[in-house]
């Protein structure tokens, strides 16, 4: 444990950010998983699920939790799966 007051604060902030990042990444995974399962089931609610997942991914990228290209890749994969299911 550090002795300097500012470093103690830095450690605390780092820990808070780490916990927030883990929570948001978990949320992304949950929304993507829900969207993909609805897409595979051919459910009409998949459009809403895709929109929700995209929104969560965009917010995470905006906050710097994931890289913007990683966000674009994740959204692209969801849309590709939706379009593939739609044509099949």
PDB file of N, CA and C in Angstrom:
ATOM      1  N   UNK A   1       0.845  -1.178   0.000  1.00  0.00           N
ATOM      2  CA  UNK A   1       0.000   0.000   0.000  1.00  0.00           C
ATOM      3  C   UNK A   1       0.893   1.246   0.000  1.00  0.00           C
ATOM      4  N   UNK A   2       0.524   2.212  -0.844  1.00  0.00           N
ATOM      5  CA  UNK A   2       1.351   3.420  -0.916  1.00  0.00           C
ATOM      6  C   UNK A   2       1.230   4.285   0.338  1.00  0.00           C
ATOM      7  N   UNK A   3       2.249   5.089   0.560  1.00  0.00           N
ATOM      8  CA  UNK A   3       2.278   5.987   1.713  1.00  0.00           C
ATOM      9  C   UNK A   3       1.837   7.402   1.359  1.00  0.00           C
ATOM     10  N   UNK A   4       2.011   7.789   0.112  1.00  0.00           N
ATOM     11  CA  UNK A   4       1.719   9.153  -0.319  1.00  0.00           C
ATOM     12  C   UNK A   4       0.212   9.295  -0.553  1.00  0.00           C
ATOM     13  N   UNK A   5      -0.328  10.397  -0.052  1.00  0.00           N
ATOM     14  CA  UNK A   5      -1.774  10.601  -0.080  1.00  0.00           C
ATOM     15  C   UNK A   5      -2.344  10.603  -1.509  1.00  0.00           C
ATOM     16  N   UNK A   6      -1.682  11.290  -2.422  1.00  0.00           N
ATOM     17  CA  UNK A   6      -2.191  11.375  -3.795  1.00  0.00           C
ATOM     18  C   UNK A   6      -2.145  10.006  -4.484  1.00  0.00           C
ATOM     19  N   UNK A   7      -1.143   9.208  -4.152  1.00  0.00           N
ATOM     20  CA  UNK A   7      -1.038   7.874  -4.750  1.00  0.00           C
ATOM     21  C   UNK A   7      -2.129   6.965  -4.191  1.00  0.00           C
ATOM     22  N   UNK A   8      -2.453   7.153  -2.916  1.00  0.00           N
ATOM     23  CA  UNK A   8      -3.568   6.392  -2.324  1.00  0.00           C
ATOM     24  C   UNK A   8      -4.867   6.700  -3.072  1.00  0.00           C
ATOM     25  N   UNK A   9      -5.064   7.984  -3.371  1.00  0.00           N
ATOM     26  CA  UNK A   9      -6.257   8.406  -4.116  1.00  0.00           C
ATOM     27  C   UNK A   9      -6.248   7.809  -5.518  1.00  0.00           C
ATOM     28  N   UNK A  10      -5.083   7.795  -6.148  1.00  0.00           N
ATOM     29  CA  UNK A  10      -4.961   7.218  -7.483  1.00  0.00           C
ATOM     30  C   UNK A  10      -5.318   5.735  -7.482  1.00  0.00           C
ATOM     31  N   UNK A  11      -4.856   5.026  -6.474  1.00  0.00           N
ATOM     32  CA  UNK A  11      -5.150   3.594  -6.366  1.00  0.00           C
ATOM     33  C   UNK A  11      -6.657   3.379  -6.213  1.00  0.00           C
ATOM     34  N   UNK A  12      -7.284   4.210  -5.378  1.00  0.00           N
ATOM     35  CA  UNK A  12      -8.731   4.100  -5.158  1.00  0.00           C
ATOM     36  C   UNK A  12      -9.506   4.382  -6.445  1.00  0.00           C
ATOM     37  N   UNK A  13      -9.129   5.448  -7.149  1.00  0.00           N
ATOM     38  CA  UNK A  13      -9.805   5.784  -8.409  1.00  0.00           C
ATOM     39  C   UNK A  13      -9.612   4.697  -9.448  1.00  0.00           C
ATOM     40  N   UNK A  14      -8.410   4.142  -9.502  1.00  0.00           N
ATOM     41  CA  UNK A  14      -8.127   3.072 -10.443  1.00  0.00           C
ATOM     42  C   UNK A  14      -9.014   1.862 -10.164  1.00  0.00           C
ATOM     43  N   UNK A  15      -9.188   1.554  -8.904  1.00  0.00           N
ATOM     44  CA  UNK A  15     -10.024   0.423  -8.506  1.00  0.00           C
ATOM     45  C   UNK A  15     -11.491   0.678  -8.882  1.00  0.00           C
ATOM     46  N   UNK A  16     -11.953   1.902  -8.672  1.00  0.00           N
ATOM     47  CA  UNK A  16     -13.329   2.264  -9.029  1.00  0.00           C
ATOM     48  C   UNK A  16     -13.549   2.146 -10.532  1.00  0.00           C
ATOM     49  N   UNK A  17     -12.590   2.644 -11.308  1.00  0.00           N
ATOM     50  CA  UNK A  17     -12.691   2.555 -12.766  1.00  0.00           C
ATOM     51  C   UNK A  17     -12.696   1.100 -13.225  1.00  0.00           C
ATOM     52  N   UNK A  18     -11.836   0.301 -12.604  1.00  0.00           N
ATOM     53  CA  UNK A  18     -11.730  -1.120 -12.948  1.00  0.00           C
ATOM     54  C   UNK A  18     -13.076  -1.825 -12.728  1.00  0.00           C
ATOM     55  N   UNK A  19     -13.708  -1.551 -11.588  1.00  0.00           N
ATOM     56  CA  UNK A  19     -15.002  -2.161 -11.290  1.00  0.00           C
ATOM     57  C   UNK A  19     -16.068  -1.696 -12.270  1.00  0.00           C
ATOM     58  N   UNK A  20     -16.045  -0.396 -12.614  1.00  0.00           N
ATOM     59  CA  UNK A  20     -17.015   0.130 -13.576  1.00  0.00           C
ATOM     60  C   UNK A  20     -16.810  -0.509 -14.942  1.00  0.00           C
ATOM     61  N   UNK A  21     -15.547  -0.629 -15.360  1.00  0.00           N
ATOM     62  CA  UNK A  21     -15.248  -1.211 -16.658  1.00  0.00           C
ATOM     63  C   UNK A  21     -15.722  -2.660 -16.738  1.00  0.00           C
ATOM     64  N   UNK A  22     -15.492  -3.416 -15.678  1.00  0.00           N
ATOM     65  CA  UNK A  22     -15.922  -4.813 -15.663  1.00  0.00           C
ATOM     66  C   UNK A  22     -17.440  -4.899 -15.762  1.00  0.00           C
ATOM     67  N   UNK A  23     -18.143  -4.033 -15.033  1.00  0.00           N
ATOM     68  CA  UNK A  23     -19.607  -4.043 -15.050  1.00  0.00           C
ATOM     69  C   UNK A  23     -20.143  -3.719 -16.443  1.00  0.00           C
ATOM     70  N   UNK A  24     -19.558  -2.725 -17.091  1.00  0.00           N
ATOM     71  CA  UNK A  24     -20.029  -2.319 -18.411  1.00  0.00           C
ATOM     72  C   UNK A  24     -19.722  -3.403 -19.449  1.00  0.00           C
ATOM     73  N   UNK A  25     -18.542  -4.010 -19.362  1.00  0.00           N
ATOM     74  CA  UNK A  25     -18.202  -5.084 -20.301  1.00  0.00           C
ATOM     75  C   UNK A  25     -19.136  -6.269 -20.125  1.00  0.00           C
ATOM     76  N   UNK A  26     -19.504  -6.571 -18.900  1.00  0.00           N
ATOM     77  CA  UNK A  26     -20.448  -7.648 -18.632  1.00  0.00           C
ATOM     78  C   UNK A  26     -21.816  -7.312 -19.225  1.00  0.00           C
ATOM     79  N   UNK A  27     -22.216  -6.062 -19.092  1.00  0.00           N
ATOM     80  CA  UNK A  27     -23.487  -5.607 -19.648  1.00  0.00           C
ATOM     81  C   UNK A  27     -23.493  -5.744 -21.170  1.00  0.00           C
ATOM     82  N   UNK A  28     -22.390  -5.398 -21.794  1.00  0.00           N
ATOM     83  CA  UNK A  28     -22.271  -5.536 -23.246  1.00  0.00           C
ATOM     84  C   UNK A  28     -22.466  -7.001 -23.639  1.00  0.00           C
ATOM     85  N   UNK A  29     -21.760  -7.888 -22.954  1.00  0.00           N
ATOM     86  CA  UNK A  29     -21.857  -9.316 -23.268  1.00  0.00           C
ATOM     87  C   UNK A  29     -23.282  -9.824 -23.111  1.00  0.00           C
ATOM     88  N   UNK A  30     -23.970  -9.374 -22.066  1.00  0.00           N
ATOM     89  CA  UNK A  30     -25.343  -9.801 -21.822  1.00  0.00           C
ATOM     90  C   UNK A  30     -26.266  -9.349 -22.951  1.00  0.00           C
ATOM     91  N   UNK A  31     -26.177  -8.082 -23.329  1.00  0.00           N
ATOM     92  CA  UNK A  31     -27.043  -7.548 -24.374  1.00  0.00           C
ATOM     93  C   UNK A  31     -26.762  -8.201 -25.721  1.00  0.00           C
ATOM     94  N   UNK A  32     -25.485  -8.448 -26.022  1.00  0.00           N
ATOM     95  CA  UNK A  32     -25.126  -9.095 -27.289  1.00  0.00           C
ATOM     96  C   UNK A  32     -25.653 -10.530 -27.304  1.00  0.00           C
ATOM     97  N   UNK A  33     -25.510 -11.222 -26.180  1.00  0.00           N
ATOM     98  CA  UNK A  33     -25.980 -12.605 -26.096  1.00  0.00           C
ATOM     99  C   UNK A  33     -27.493 -12.672 -26.284  1.00  0.00           C
ATOM    100  N   UNK A  34     -28.234 -11.739 -25.663  1.00  0.00           N
ATOM    101  CA  UNK A  34     -29.689 -11.697 -25.814  1.00  0.00           C
ATOM    102  C   UNK A  34     -30.075 -11.435 -27.266  1.00  0.00           C
ATOM    103  N   UNK A  35     -29.392 -10.483 -27.879  1.00  0.00           N
ATOM    104  CA  UNK A  35     -29.696 -10.140 -29.271  1.00  0.00           C
ATOM    105  C   UNK A  35     -29.440 -11.329 -30.189  1.00  0.00           C
ATOM    106  N   UNK A  36     -28.297 -11.997 -30.014  1.00  0.00           N
ATOM    107  CA  UNK A  36     -27.978 -13.132 -30.879  1.00  0.00           C
ATOM    108  C   UNK A  36     -28.959 -14.284 -30.692  1.00  0.00           C
ATOM    109  N   UNK A  37     -29.389 -14.519 -29.451  1.00  0.00           N
ATOM    110  CA  UNK A  37     -30.337 -15.609 -29.219  1.00  0.00           C
ATOM    111  C   UNK A  37     -31.686 -15.297 -29.862  1.00  0.00           C
ATOM    112  N   UNK A  38     -32.123 -14.026 -29.805  1.00  0.00           N
ATOM    113  CA  UNK A  38     -33.377 -13.649 -30.456  1.00  0.00           C
ATOM    114  C   UNK A  38     -33.258 -13.708 -31.973  1.00  0.00           C
ATOM    115  N   UNK A  39     -32.101 -13.364 -32.491  1.00  0.00           N
ATOM    116  CA  UNK A  39     -31.873 -13.437 -33.939  1.00  0.00           C
ATOM    117  C   UNK A  39     -31.967 -14.887 -34.413  1.00  0.00           C
ATOM    118  N   UNK A  40     -31.299 -15.783 -33.685  1.00  0.00           N
ATOM    119  CA  UNK A  40     -31.315 -17.192 -34.068  1.00  0.00           C
ATOM    120  C   UNK A  40     -32.703 -17.800 -33.935  1.00  0.00           C
ATOM    121  N   UNK A  41     -33.494 -17.320 -32.972  1.00  0.00           N
ATOM    122  CA  UNK A  41     -34.851 -17.819 -32.781  1.00  0.00           C
ATOM    123  C   UNK A  41     -35.811 -17.249 -33.827  1.00  0.00           C
ATOM    124  N   UNK A  42     -35.385 -16.202 -34.508  1.00  0.00           N
ATOM    125  CA  UNK A  42     -36.231 -15.577 -35.524  1.00  0.00           C
ATOM    126  C   UNK A  42     -37.340 -14.736 -34.907  1.00  0.00           C
ATOM    127  N   UNK A  43     -37.121 -14.269 -33.710  1.00  0.00           N
ATOM    128  CA  UNK A  43     -38.118 -13.489 -32.980  1.00  0.00           C
ATOM    129  C   UNK A  43     -38.207 -12.076 -33.550  1.00  0.00           C
ATOM    130  N   UNK A  44     -39.409 -11.507 -33.520  1.00  0.00           N
ATOM    131  CA  UNK A  44     -39.616 -10.148 -34.020  1.00  0.00           C
ATOM    132  C   UNK A  44     -38.984  -9.115 -33.082  1.00  0.00           C
ATOM    133  N   UNK A  45     -38.774  -9.485 -31.838  1.00  0.00           N
ATOM    134  CA  UNK A  45     -38.180  -8.566 -30.861  1.00  0.00           C
ATOM    135  C   UNK A  45     -36.678  -8.409 -31.065  1.00  0.00           C
ATOM    136  N   UNK A  46     -36.121  -9.125 -32.027  1.00  0.00           N
ATOM    137  CA  UNK A  46     -34.673  -9.042 -32.251  1.00  0.00           C
ATOM    138  C   UNK A  46     -34.241  -7.648 -32.700  1.00  0.00           C
ATOM    139  N   UNK A  47     -35.118  -6.944 -33.408  1.00  0.00           N
ATOM    140  CA  UNK A  47     -34.786  -5.585 -33.862  1.00  0.00           C
ATOM    141  C   UNK A  47     -34.556  -4.677 -32.663  1.00  0.00           C
ATOM    142  N   UNK A  48     -35.441  -4.781 -31.672  1.00  0.00           N
ATOM    143  CA  UNK A  48     -35.289  -3.973 -30.455  1.00  0.00           C
ATOM    144  C   UNK A  48     -34.035  -4.385 -29.687  1.00  0.00           C
ATOM    145  N   UNK A  49     -33.758  -5.684 -29.649  1.00  0.00           N
ATOM    146  CA  UNK A  49     -32.581  -6.180 -28.933  1.00  0.00           C
ATOM    147  C   UNK A  49     -31.300  -5.706 -29.611  1.00  0.00           C
ATOM    148  N   UNK A  50     -31.287  -5.692 -30.926  1.00  0.00           N
ATOM    149  CA  UNK A  50     -30.122  -5.207 -31.672  1.00  0.00           C
ATOM    150  C   UNK A  50     -29.896  -3.732 -31.381  1.00  0.00           C
ATOM    151  N   UNK A  51     -30.979  -2.974 -31.363  1.00  0.00           N
ATOM    152  CA  UNK A  51     -30.884  -1.543 -31.068  1.00  0.00           C
ATOM    153  C   UNK A  51     -30.337  -1.305 -29.668  1.00  0.00           C
ATOM    154  N   UNK A  52     -30.819  -2.083 -28.707  1.00  0.00           N
ATOM    155  CA  UNK A  52     -30.357  -1.936 -27.321  1.00  0.00           C
ATOM    156  C   UNK A  52     -28.884  -2.294 -27.199  1.00  0.00           C
ATOM    157  N   UNK A  53     -28.486  -3.379 -27.846  1.00  0.00           N
ATOM    158  CA  UNK A  53     -27.090  -3.807 -27.792  1.00  0.00           C
ATOM    159  C   UNK A  53     -26.185  -2.756 -28.426  1.00  0.00           C
ATOM    160  N   UNK A  54     -26.607  -2.219 -29.552  1.00  0.00           N
ATOM    161  CA  UNK A  54     -25.812  -1.185 -30.223  1.00  0.00           C
ATOM    162  C   UNK A  54     -25.656   0.054 -29.342  1.00  0.00           C
ATOM    163  N   UNK A  55     -26.728   0.405 -28.657  1.00  0.00           N
ATOM    164  CA  UNK A  55     -26.695   1.565 -27.777  1.00  0.00           C
ATOM    165  C   UNK A  55     -25.709   1.356 -26.626  1.00  0.00           C
ATOM    166  N   UNK A  56     -25.757   0.184 -26.023  1.00  0.00           N
ATOM    167  CA  UNK A  56     -24.861  -0.116 -24.901  1.00  0.00           C
ATOM    168  C   UNK A  56     -23.407  -0.115 -25.377  1.00  0.00           C
ATOM    169  N   UNK A  57     -23.170  -0.689 -26.547  1.00  0.00           N
ATOM    170  CA  UNK A  57     -21.815  -0.746 -27.105  1.00  0.00           C
ATOM    171  C   UNK A  57     -21.299   0.663 -27.406  1.00  0.00           C
ATOM    172  N   UNK A  58     -22.156   1.493 -28.003  1.00  0.00           N
ATOM    173  CA  UNK A  58     -21.753   2.868 -28.322  1.00  0.00           C
ATOM    174  C   UNK A  58     -21.418   3.669 -27.069  1.00  0.00           C
ATOM    175  N   UNK A  59     -22.219   3.500 -26.026  1.00  0.00           N
ATOM    176  CA  UNK A  59     -21.967   4.232 -24.783  1.00  0.00           C
ATOM    177  C   UNK A  59     -20.641   3.813 -24.167  1.00  0.00           C
ATOM    178  N   UNK A  60     -20.335   2.519 -24.233  1.00  0.00           N
ATOM    179  CA  UNK A  60     -19.068   2.039 -23.685  1.00  0.00           C
ATOM    180  C   UNK A  60     -17.890   2.608 -24.469  1.00  0.00           C
ATOM    181  N   UNK A  61     -18.031   2.677 -25.780  1.00  0.00           N
ATOM    182  CA  UNK A  61     -16.960   3.224 -26.609  1.00  0.00           C
ATOM    183  C   UNK A  61     -16.801   4.725 -26.346  1.00  0.00           C
ATOM    184  N   UNK A  62     -17.912   5.393 -26.142  1.00  0.00           N
ATOM    185  CA  UNK A  62     -17.882   6.832 -25.883  1.00  0.00           C
ATOM    186  C   UNK A  62     -17.149   7.146 -24.577  1.00  0.00           C
ATOM    187  N   UNK A  63     -17.326   6.280 -23.578  1.00  0.00           N
ATOM    188  CA  UNK A  63     -16.673   6.474 -22.284  1.00  0.00           C
ATOM    189  C   UNK A  63     -15.243   5.962 -22.270  1.00  0.00           C
ATOM    190  N   UNK A  64     -14.822   5.316 -23.353  1.00  0.00           N
ATOM    191  CA  UNK A  64     -13.454   4.827 -23.435  1.00  0.00           C
ATOM    192  C   UNK A  64     -13.248   3.478 -22.781  1.00  0.00           C
ATOM    193  N   UNK A  65     -14.329   2.777 -22.492  1.00  0.00           N
ATOM    194  CA  UNK A  65     -14.224   1.470 -21.854  1.00  0.00           C
ATOM    195  C   UNK A  65     -13.758   0.425 -22.867  1.00  0.00           C
ATOM    196  N   UNK A  66     -14.279   0.531 -24.089  1.00  0.00           N
ATOM    197  CA  UNK A  66     -13.761  -0.284 -25.185  1.00  0.00           C
ATOM    198  C   UNK A  66     -13.362   0.660 -26.313  1.00  0.00           C
ATOM    199  N   UNK A  67     -12.481   0.202 -27.183  1.00  0.00           N
ATOM    200  CA  UNK A  67     -12.005   1.017 -28.293  1.00  0.00           C
ATOM    201  C   UNK A  67     -13.121   1.183 -29.314  1.00  0.00           C
ATOM    202  N   UNK A  68     -13.121   2.305 -30.030  1.00  0.00           N
ATOM    203  CA  UNK A  68     -14.197   2.568 -30.993  1.00  0.00           C
ATOM    204  C   UNK A  68     -14.226   1.537 -32.109  1.00  0.00           C
ATOM    205  N   UNK A  69     -13.057   1.021 -32.510  1.00  0.00           N
ATOM    206  CA  UNK A  69     -13.041   0.001 -33.543  1.00  0.00           C
ATOM    207  C   UNK A  69     -13.585  -1.329 -33.022  1.00  0.00           C
ATOM    208  N   UNK A  70     -13.334  -1.614 -31.756  1.00  0.00           N
ATOM    209  CA  UNK A  70     -13.886  -2.824 -31.146  1.00  0.00           C
ATOM    210  C   UNK A  70     -15.402  -2.715 -31.085  1.00  0.00           C
ATOM    211  N   UNK A  71     -15.902  -1.519 -30.783  1.00  0.00           N
ATOM    212  CA  UNK A  71     -17.350  -1.298 -30.756  1.00  0.00           C
ATOM    213  C   UNK A  71     -17.945  -1.495 -32.151  1.00  0.00           C
ATOM    214  N   UNK A  72     -17.292  -0.948 -33.145  1.00  0.00           N
ATOM    215  CA  UNK A  72     -17.775  -1.091 -34.518  1.00  0.00           C
ATOM    216  C   UNK A  72     -17.774  -2.558 -34.942  1.00  0.00           C
ATOM    217  N   UNK A  73     -16.734  -3.285 -34.548  1.00  0.00           N
ATOM    218  CA  UNK A  73     -16.647  -4.711 -34.884  1.00  0.00           C
ATOM    219  C   UNK A  73     -17.782  -5.503 -34.235  1.00  0.00           C
ATOM    220  N   UNK A  74     -18.049  -5.226 -32.979  1.00  0.00           N
ATOM    221  CA  UNK A  74     -19.117  -5.944 -32.264  1.00  0.00           C
ATOM    222  C   UNK A  74     -20.474  -5.666 -32.890  1.00  0.00           C
ATOM    223  N   UNK A  75     -20.729  -4.400 -33.208  1.00  0.00           N
ATOM    224  CA  UNK A  75     -22.007  -4.046 -33.835  1.00  0.00           C
ATOM    225  C   UNK A  75     -22.120  -4.675 -35.223  1.00  0.00           C
ATOM    226  N   UNK A  76     -21.027  -4.696 -35.940  1.00  0.00           N
ATOM    227  CA  UNK A  76     -21.026  -5.282 -37.273  1.00  0.00           C
ATOM    228  C   UNK A  76     -21.357  -6.768 -37.222  1.00  0.00           C
ATOM    229  N   UNK A  77     -20.810  -7.463 -36.242  1.00  0.00           N
ATOM    230  CA  UNK A  77     -21.069  -8.894 -36.109  1.00  0.00           C
ATOM    231  C   UNK A  77     -22.531  -9.170 -35.790  1.00  0.00           C
ATOM    232  N   UNK A  78     -23.129  -8.328 -34.966  1.00  0.00           N
ATOM    233  CA  UNK A  78     -24.553  -8.507 -34.653  1.00  0.00           C
ATOM    234  C   UNK A  78     -25.397  -8.284 -35.904  1.00  0.00           C
ATOM    235  N   UNK A  79     -25.086  -7.201 -36.623  1.00  0.00           N
ATOM    236  CA  UNK A  79     -25.857  -6.885 -37.831  1.00  0.00           C
ATOM    237  C   UNK A  79     -25.674  -7.947 -38.908  1.00  0.00           C
ATOM    238  N   UNK A  80     -24.457  -8.454 -39.022  1.00  0.00           N
ATOM    239  CA  UNK A  80     -24.198  -9.502 -40.009  1.00  0.00           C
ATOM    240  C   UNK A  80     -25.012 -10.752 -39.687  1.00  0.00           C
ATOM    241  N   UNK A  81     -25.092 -11.095 -38.411  1.00  0.00           N
ATOM    242  CA  UNK A  81     -25.881 -12.257 -37.996  1.00  0.00           C
ATOM    243  C   UNK A  81     -27.363 -12.035 -38.270  1.00  0.00           C
ATOM    244  N   UNK A  82     -27.840 -10.802 -38.024  1.00  0.00           N
ATOM    245  CA  UNK A  82     -29.246 -10.476 -38.266  1.00  0.00           C
ATOM    246  C   UNK A  82     -29.578 -10.559 -39.757  1.00  0.00           C
ATOM    247  N   UNK A  83     -28.692 -10.011 -40.581  1.00  0.00           N
ATOM    248  CA  UNK A  83     -28.942 -10.046 -42.023  1.00  0.00           C
ATOM    249  C   UNK A  83     -28.876 -11.465 -42.571  1.00  0.00           C
ATOM    250  N   UNK A  84     -27.986 -12.261 -42.023  1.00  0.00           N
ATOM    251  CA  UNK A  84     -27.862 -13.653 -42.448  1.00  0.00           C
ATOM    252  C   UNK A  84     -29.121 -14.437 -42.082  1.00  0.00           C
ATOM    253  N   UNK A  85     -29.639 -14.180 -40.888  1.00  0.00           N
ATOM    254  CA  UNK A  85     -30.866 -14.865 -40.449  1.00  0.00           C
ATOM    255  C   UNK A  85     -32.075 -14.399 -41.254  1.00  0.00           C
ATOM    256  N   UNK A  86     -32.064 -13.122 -41.635  1.00  0.00           N
ATOM    257  CA  UNK A  86     -33.194 -12.561 -42.392  1.00  0.00           C
ATOM    258  C   UNK A  86     -33.278 -13.196 -43.780  1.00  0.00           C
ATOM    259  N   UNK A  87     -32.142 -13.414 -44.437  1.00  0.00           N
ATOM    260  CA  UNK A  87     -32.146 -13.980 -45.787  1.00  0.00           C
ATOM    261  C   UNK A  87     -32.413 -15.477 -45.761  1.00  0.00           C
ATOM    262  N   UNK A  88     -32.055 -16.134 -44.661  1.00  0.00           N
ATOM    263  CA  UNK A  88     -32.241 -17.588 -44.591  1.00  0.00           C
ATOM    264  C   UNK A  88     -33.672 -17.984 -44.303  1.00  0.00           C
TER     265      UNK A  88
END
